[in-house]
Amino acid sequence: MVALLISLSPDGDLNSTIISVQTTVTTIAYVGEINEIQKAVEEFMVLRTIHDKEERQLFASKIDERLNKLQLVKIYCDKEISTLELVNQKSPYTKLQEICPAIKNIPFSKAAQLFGHI
């Protein structure tokens, strides 16, 4: 079994193979949540265009409710995400990195590729 795992990695590094398998399994397990995050990003872009205060608050609360139910948010963020707070930031992604330290090492350009429309 160990020989099989070692052979899965091009350089024969068992640790790299295990990390790669864990990452793949995690990605598959949370693909639905990743899709929800992509949808939330798209809705965030719409939220930025809403000028009516009440409409903006209502729309933001709907996004927040769905977003903060996600296991990925619960696992990787220190507190709930408030899209209304983020929409008022000069740099929303920087603020999001403060809320979710796990994404601090992911540059904005990479996040834009992963989730689109940022």
Protein backbone atom coordinates (compact mmCIF):
# COMPACT_ATOMS: atom_id res chain seq x y z
CA MET A 1 0.00 0.00 0.00
CA VAL A 2 2.80 2.42 0.92
CA ALA A 3 4.56 1.64 -2.36
CA LEU A 4 1.36 2.48 -4.23
CA LEU A 5 1.04 5.83 -2.46
CA ILE A 6 4.68 6.65 -3.07
CA SER A 7 4.29 5.85 -6.74
CA LEU A 8 1.41 8.34 -7.00
CA SER A 9 3.81 11.23 -6.45
CA PRO A 10 6.18 12.08 -9.32
CA ASP A 11 9.09 12.51 -6.94
CA GLY A 12 8.10 9.58 -4.72
CA ASP A 13 7.45 11.86 -1.76
CA LEU A 14 4.78 10.22 0.42
CA ASN A 15 4.06 13.44 2.31
CA SER A 16 3.37 15.33 -0.93
CA THR A 17 1.09 12.54 -2.09
CA ILE A 18 -0.89 12.55 1.15
CA ILE A 19 -1.28 16.35 1.06
CA SER A 20 -2.36 16.17 -2.59
CA VAL A 21 -4.96 13.48 -1.83
CA GLN A 22 -6.25 15.44 1.19
CA THR A 23 -6.59 18.60 -0.91
CA THR A 24 -8.45 16.71 -3.64
CA VAL A 25 -10.83 15.08 -1.16
CA THR A 26 -11.49 18.42 0.56
CA THR A 27 -12.14 20.11 -2.78
CA ILE A 28 -14.59 17.39 -3.82
CA ALA A 29 -16.33 17.45 -0.42
CA TYR A 30 -16.86 21.21 -0.56
CA VAL A 31 -17.48 21.75 -4.27
CA GLY A 32 -21.11 22.72 -3.58
CA GLU A 33 -19.97 25.27 -1.03
CA ILE A 34 -17.38 26.64 -3.43
CA ASN A 35 -20.20 27.13 -5.93
CA GLU A 36 -22.18 28.99 -3.25
CA ILE A 37 -19.18 31.24 -2.60
CA GLN A 38 -18.95 31.99 -6.32
CA LYS A 39 -22.65 32.88 -6.31
CA ALA A 40 -22.13 35.12 -3.26
CA VAL A 41 -19.27 36.91 -5.04
CA GLU A 42 -21.55 37.57 -8.02
CA GLU A 43 -24.27 38.85 -5.71
CA PHE A 44 -21.73 41.01 -3.87
CA MET A 45 -21.00 42.73 -7.17
CA VAL A 46 -24.74 43.43 -7.55
CA LEU A 47 -24.90 44.63 -3.93
CA ARG A 48 -22.28 47.26 -4.75
CA THR A 49 -24.66 48.78 -7.32
CA ILE A 50 -27.68 49.06 -5.00
CA HIS A 51 -28.04 52.59 -3.63
CA ASP A 52 -31.31 52.30 -1.70
CA LYS A 53 -30.32 51.71 1.95
CA GLU A 54 -33.19 49.36 2.86
CA GLU A 55 -32.88 47.34 -0.34
CA ARG A 56 -29.12 47.09 0.18
CA GLN A 57 -29.53 45.87 3.77
CA LEU A 58 -32.13 43.28 2.79
CA PHE A 59 -30.06 41.95 -0.09
CA ALA A 60 -26.90 41.84 2.06
CA SER A 61 -28.68 39.94 4.84
CA LYS A 62 -29.82 37.28 2.36
CA ILE A 63 -26.26 36.84 1.09
CA ASP A 64 -24.88 36.75 4.64
CA GLU A 65 -27.42 34.18 5.81
CA ARG A 66 -26.45 31.73 3.06
CA LEU A 67 -22.72 32.47 3.25
CA ASN A 68 -22.39 32.12 7.01
CA LYS A 69 -24.11 28.72 6.99
CA LEU A 70 -21.30 27.24 4.90
CA GLN A 71 -18.91 24.89 6.67
CA LEU A 72 -15.96 26.49 4.87
CA VAL A 73 -16.84 29.84 6.42
CA LYS A 74 -17.36 28.28 9.85
CA ILE A 75 -14.01 26.48 9.62
CA TYR A 76 -11.82 29.18 8.10
CA CYS A 77 -13.27 32.46 9.34
CA ASP A 78 -12.93 33.91 12.82
CA LYS A 79 -16.34 35.55 12.72
CA GLU A 80 -19.37 35.77 10.47
CA ILE A 81 -19.03 37.61 7.20
CA SER A 82 -21.00 40.83 6.77
CA THR A 83 -21.27 41.73 3.09
CA LEU A 84 -22.79 45.07 4.07
CA GLU A 85 -19.62 45.84 6.03
CA LEU A 86 -17.43 44.62 3.17
CA VAL A 87 -19.28 46.61 0.51
CA ASN A 88 -18.41 49.83 2.35
CA GLN A 89 -14.69 49.01 2.49
CA LYS A 90 -12.17 50.57 0.13
CA SER A 91 -10.51 47.14 -0.11
CA PRO A 92 -13.14 44.48 0.67
CA TYR A 93 -10.76 41.59 -0.03
CA THR A 94 -8.24 42.87 2.52
CA LYS A 95 -11.02 43.09 5.12
CA LEU A 96 -12.17 39.58 4.20
CA GLN A 97 -8.62 38.34 4.75
CA GLU A 98 -8.77 39.77 8.28
CA ILE A 99 -12.04 37.93 8.95
CA CYS A 100 -10.82 34.70 7.35
CA PRO A 101 -7.07 34.40 8.09
CA ALA A 102 -6.83 31.20 6.05
CA ILE A 103 -6.97 33.28 2.86
CA LYS A 104 -4.26 35.76 3.90
CA ASN A 105 -1.73 33.99 1.70
CA ILE A 106 -4.01 33.93 -1.33
CA PRO A 107 -3.36 37.00 -3.45
CA PHE A 108 -6.34 38.93 -4.78
CA SER A 109 -5.48 37.92 -8.36
CA LYS A 110 -5.61 34.20 -7.46
CA ALA A 111 -8.90 34.63 -5.59
CA ALA A 112 -10.32 36.42 -8.64
CA GLN A 113 -9.36 33.42 -10.78
CA LEU A 114 -10.86 30.95 -8.31
CA PHE A 115 -14.12 32.77 -7.65
CA GLY A 116 -14.41 35.06 -10.66
CA HIS A 117 -15.93 38.52 -10.89
CA ILE A 118 -14.05 39.96 -7.90
